[in-house]
Amino acid sequence: MPFHPPESRAVPDLPCASRRDENVAPLILTELNPLLVVDSMTDDSQPLDLITFGTLRELCPKCQRHGLNLVLRQSSVRIAHLFCADCASCYDAQYPDGAPALCI
């Protein structure tokens, strides 16, 4: 299933250093199977458009290049998750105490 680079509908990004609170513990990331997170399309030649809501401080554990994007539930997205546009990996996030970080 091809992924189209996500479109962002967030406020303009600020440099990560100005947003980071050094007293906040890092999130615990667990990789998710993209096929369970996003509805597969019937035509694999069409890219999947995802709307993202900003770049987080957490880097992708796989590629370590860019901050992960927050993807909330949408018509084709079953589970809110963090998404890496470089390697198309999906992650769930928890606080160090085990509480889910991506639920309301």
C-alpha atoms as a PDB file:
ATOM      1  CA  MET A   1       0.000   0.000   0.000  1.00  0.00           C
ATOM      2  CA  PRO A   2       1.783   3.193  -1.136  1.00  0.00           C
ATOM      3  CA  PHE A   3       1.751   6.173   1.208  1.00  0.00           C
ATOM      4  CA  HIS A   4       1.577   9.708  -0.118  1.00  0.00           C
ATOM      5  CA  PRO A   5       3.675  12.152   1.922  1.00  0.00           C
ATOM      6  CA  PRO A   6       1.281  13.461   4.553  1.00  0.00           C
ATOM      7  CA  GLU A   7      -0.355  16.832   4.303  1.00  0.00           C
ATOM      8  CA  SER A   8      -0.056  18.914   7.422  1.00  0.00           C
ATOM      9  CA  ARG A   9      -2.847  21.099   8.749  1.00  0.00           C
ATOM     10  CA  ALA A  10      -1.035  22.368  11.802  1.00  0.00           C
ATOM     11  CA  VAL A  11       0.283  25.744  12.812  1.00  0.00           C
ATOM     12  CA  PRO A  12       3.691  26.484  11.284  1.00  0.00           C
ATOM     13  CA  ASP A  13       6.433  24.398  12.857  1.00  0.00           C
ATOM     14  CA  LEU A  14       8.704  26.050  15.367  1.00  0.00           C
ATOM     15  CA  PRO A  15      12.260  24.839  15.819  1.00  0.00           C
ATOM     16  CA  CYS A  16      12.170  21.719  17.988  1.00  0.00           C
ATOM     17  CA  ALA A  17      14.431  23.225  20.630  1.00  0.00           C
ATOM     18  CA  SER A  18      11.992  26.056  21.318  1.00  0.00           C
ATOM     19  CA  ARG A  19       9.079  23.633  21.808  1.00  0.00           C
ATOM     20  CA  ARG A  20      10.870  20.994  23.865  1.00  0.00           C
ATOM     21  CA  ASP A  21      10.379  20.928  27.600  1.00  0.00           C
ATOM     22  CA  GLU A  22      13.460  19.271  29.032  1.00  0.00           C
ATOM     23  CA  ASN A  23      11.485  18.049  32.077  1.00  0.00           C
ATOM     24  CA  VAL A  24       9.074  15.935  30.004  1.00  0.00           C
ATOM     25  CA  ALA A  25       9.879  12.222  29.816  1.00  0.00           C
ATOM     26  CA  PRO A  26      10.070  10.785  26.298  1.00  0.00           C
ATOM     27  CA  LEU A  27       7.130   8.798  24.996  1.00  0.00           C
ATOM     28  CA  ILE A  28       7.421   5.024  24.698  1.00  0.00           C
ATOM     29  CA  LEU A  29       6.826   4.099  21.065  1.00  0.00           C
ATOM     30  CA  THR A  30       5.520   0.749  19.857  1.00  0.00           C
ATOM     31  CA  GLU A  31       5.554   0.001  16.143  1.00  0.00           C
ATOM     32  CA  LEU A  32       2.183  -0.834  14.620  1.00  0.00           C
ATOM     33  CA  ASN A  33       1.431  -2.773  11.466  1.00  0.00           C
ATOM     34  CA  PRO A  34       0.341  -0.112   8.914  1.00  0.00           C
ATOM     35  CA  LEU A  35      -2.184  -2.553   7.426  1.00  0.00           C
ATOM     36  CA  LEU A  36      -4.001  -2.670  10.779  1.00  0.00           C
ATOM     37  CA  VAL A  37      -3.865   1.103  11.283  1.00  0.00           C
ATOM     38  CA  VAL A  38      -4.948   2.325   7.843  1.00  0.00           C
ATOM     39  CA  ASP A  39      -7.680   0.828   5.672  1.00  0.00           C
ATOM     40  CA  SER A  40      -6.128  -0.751   2.633  1.00  0.00           C
ATOM     41  CA  MET A  41      -7.176   0.638  -0.670  1.00  0.00           C
ATOM     42  CA  THR A  42      -8.618  -1.525  -3.401  1.00  0.00           C
ATOM     43  CA  ASP A  43      -6.286   0.062  -5.949  1.00  0.00           C
ATOM     44  CA  ASP A  44      -2.688  -0.104  -4.682  1.00  0.00           C
ATOM     45  CA  SER A  45      -1.521   2.208  -7.476  1.00  0.00           C
ATOM     46  CA  GLN A  46      -3.310   5.159  -5.817  1.00  0.00           C
ATOM     47  CA  PRO A  47      -1.395   6.896  -3.009  1.00  0.00           C
ATOM     48  CA  LEU A  48      -3.109   7.180   0.343  1.00  0.00           C
ATOM     49  CA  ASP A  49      -3.556  10.790   1.491  1.00  0.00           C
ATOM     50  CA  LEU A  50      -3.247  11.253   5.239  1.00  0.00           C
ATOM     51  CA  ILE A  51      -3.874  14.505   7.064  1.00  0.00           C
ATOM     52  CA  THR A  52      -1.295  15.039   9.788  1.00  0.00           C
ATOM     53  CA  PHE A  53      -1.478  17.446  12.690  1.00  0.00           C
ATOM     54  CA  GLY A  54       2.055  18.618  13.292  1.00  0.00           C
ATOM     55  CA  THR A  55       5.513  17.243  13.883  1.00  0.00           C
ATOM     56  CA  LEU A  56       6.376  15.925  17.327  1.00  0.00           C
ATOM     57  CA  ARG A  57       9.699  15.954  19.156  1.00  0.00           C
ATOM     58  CA  GLU A  58       9.989  12.149  18.948  1.00  0.00           C
ATOM     59  CA  LEU A  59      12.190  10.863  16.150  1.00  0.00           C
ATOM     60  CA  CYS A  60      11.370   7.736  14.213  1.00  0.00           C
ATOM     61  CA  PRO A  61      13.115   4.807  15.952  1.00  0.00           C
ATOM     62  CA  LYS A  62      13.804   3.187  12.568  1.00  0.00           C
ATOM     63  CA  CYS A  63      15.309   5.943  10.458  1.00  0.00           C
ATOM     64  CA  GLN A  64      16.175   8.558  13.145  1.00  0.00           C
ATOM     65  CA  ARG A  65      15.833  11.385  10.593  1.00  0.00           C
ATOM     66  CA  HIS A  66      12.722  13.447  11.266  1.00  0.00           C
ATOM     67  CA  GLY A  67      10.108  14.045  13.909  1.00  0.00           C
ATOM     68  CA  LEU A  68       7.037  11.842  13.759  1.00  0.00           C
ATOM     69  CA  ASN A  69       3.716  13.268  12.589  1.00  0.00           C
ATOM     70  CA  LEU A  70       0.487  12.913  14.534  1.00  0.00           C
ATOM     71  CA  VAL A  71      -2.271  11.245  12.500  1.00  0.00           C
ATOM     72  CA  LEU A  72      -5.724  11.258  14.049  1.00  0.00           C
ATOM     73  CA  ARG A  73      -8.621   8.993  13.048  1.00  0.00           C
ATOM     74  CA  GLN A  74      -9.955   9.807   9.584  1.00  0.00           C
ATOM     75  CA  SER A  75     -12.098   8.087   6.987  1.00  0.00           C
ATOM     76  CA  SER A  76      -9.265   5.695   6.090  1.00  0.00           C
ATOM     77  CA  VAL A  77      -7.432   5.736   9.444  1.00  0.00           C
ATOM     78  CA  ARG A  78      -8.642   3.271  12.084  1.00  0.00           C
ATOM     79  CA  ILE A  79      -6.294   4.210  14.933  1.00  0.00           C
ATOM     80  CA  ALA A  80      -4.687   7.526  15.884  1.00  0.00           C
ATOM     81  CA  HIS A  81      -0.938   7.044  15.567  1.00  0.00           C
ATOM     82  CA  LEU A  82       2.434   8.648  14.947  1.00  0.00           C
ATOM     83  CA  PHE A  83       3.674   8.380  11.363  1.00  0.00           C
ATOM     84  CA  CYS A  84       7.133   8.613   9.803  1.00  0.00           C
ATOM     85  CA  ALA A  85       6.884   9.995   6.271  1.00  0.00           C
ATOM     86  CA  ASP A  86      10.407   8.780   5.417  1.00  0.00           C
ATOM     87  CA  CYS A  87      10.005   5.069   6.122  1.00  0.00           C
ATOM     88  CA  ALA A  88       6.158   4.872   6.300  1.00  0.00           C
ATOM     89  CA  SER A  89       6.257   3.405   9.814  1.00  0.00           C
ATOM     90  CA  CYS A  90       3.379   3.782  12.268  1.00  0.00           C
ATOM     91  CA  TYR A  91       3.702   3.944  16.059  1.00  0.00           C
ATOM     92  CA  ASP A  92       1.511   3.962  19.129  1.00  0.00           C
ATOM     93  CA  ALA A  93       2.706   6.108  22.026  1.00  0.00           C
ATOM     94  CA  GLN A  94       2.493   5.703  25.777  1.00  0.00           C
ATOM     95  CA  TYR A  95       3.698   7.772  28.713  1.00  0.00           C
ATOM     96  CA  PRO A  96       6.339   6.168  30.945  1.00  0.00           C
ATOM     97  CA  ASP A  97       3.598   5.209  33.449  1.00  0.00           C
ATOM     98  CA  GLY A  98       1.885   3.142  30.724  1.00  0.00           C
ATOM     99  CA  ALA A  99      -0.989   5.558  30.066  1.00  0.00           C
ATOM    100  CA  PRO A 100      -1.879   5.951  26.376  1.00  0.00           C
ATOM    101  CA  ALA A 101      -0.659   9.219  24.891  1.00  0.00           C
ATOM    102  CA  LEU A 102      -2.869   9.272  21.796  1.00  0.00           C
ATOM    103  CA  CYS A 103      -6.352   8.923  23.236  1.00  0.00           C
ATOM    104  CA  ILE A 104      -8.753  11.549  24.482  1.00  0.00           C
END
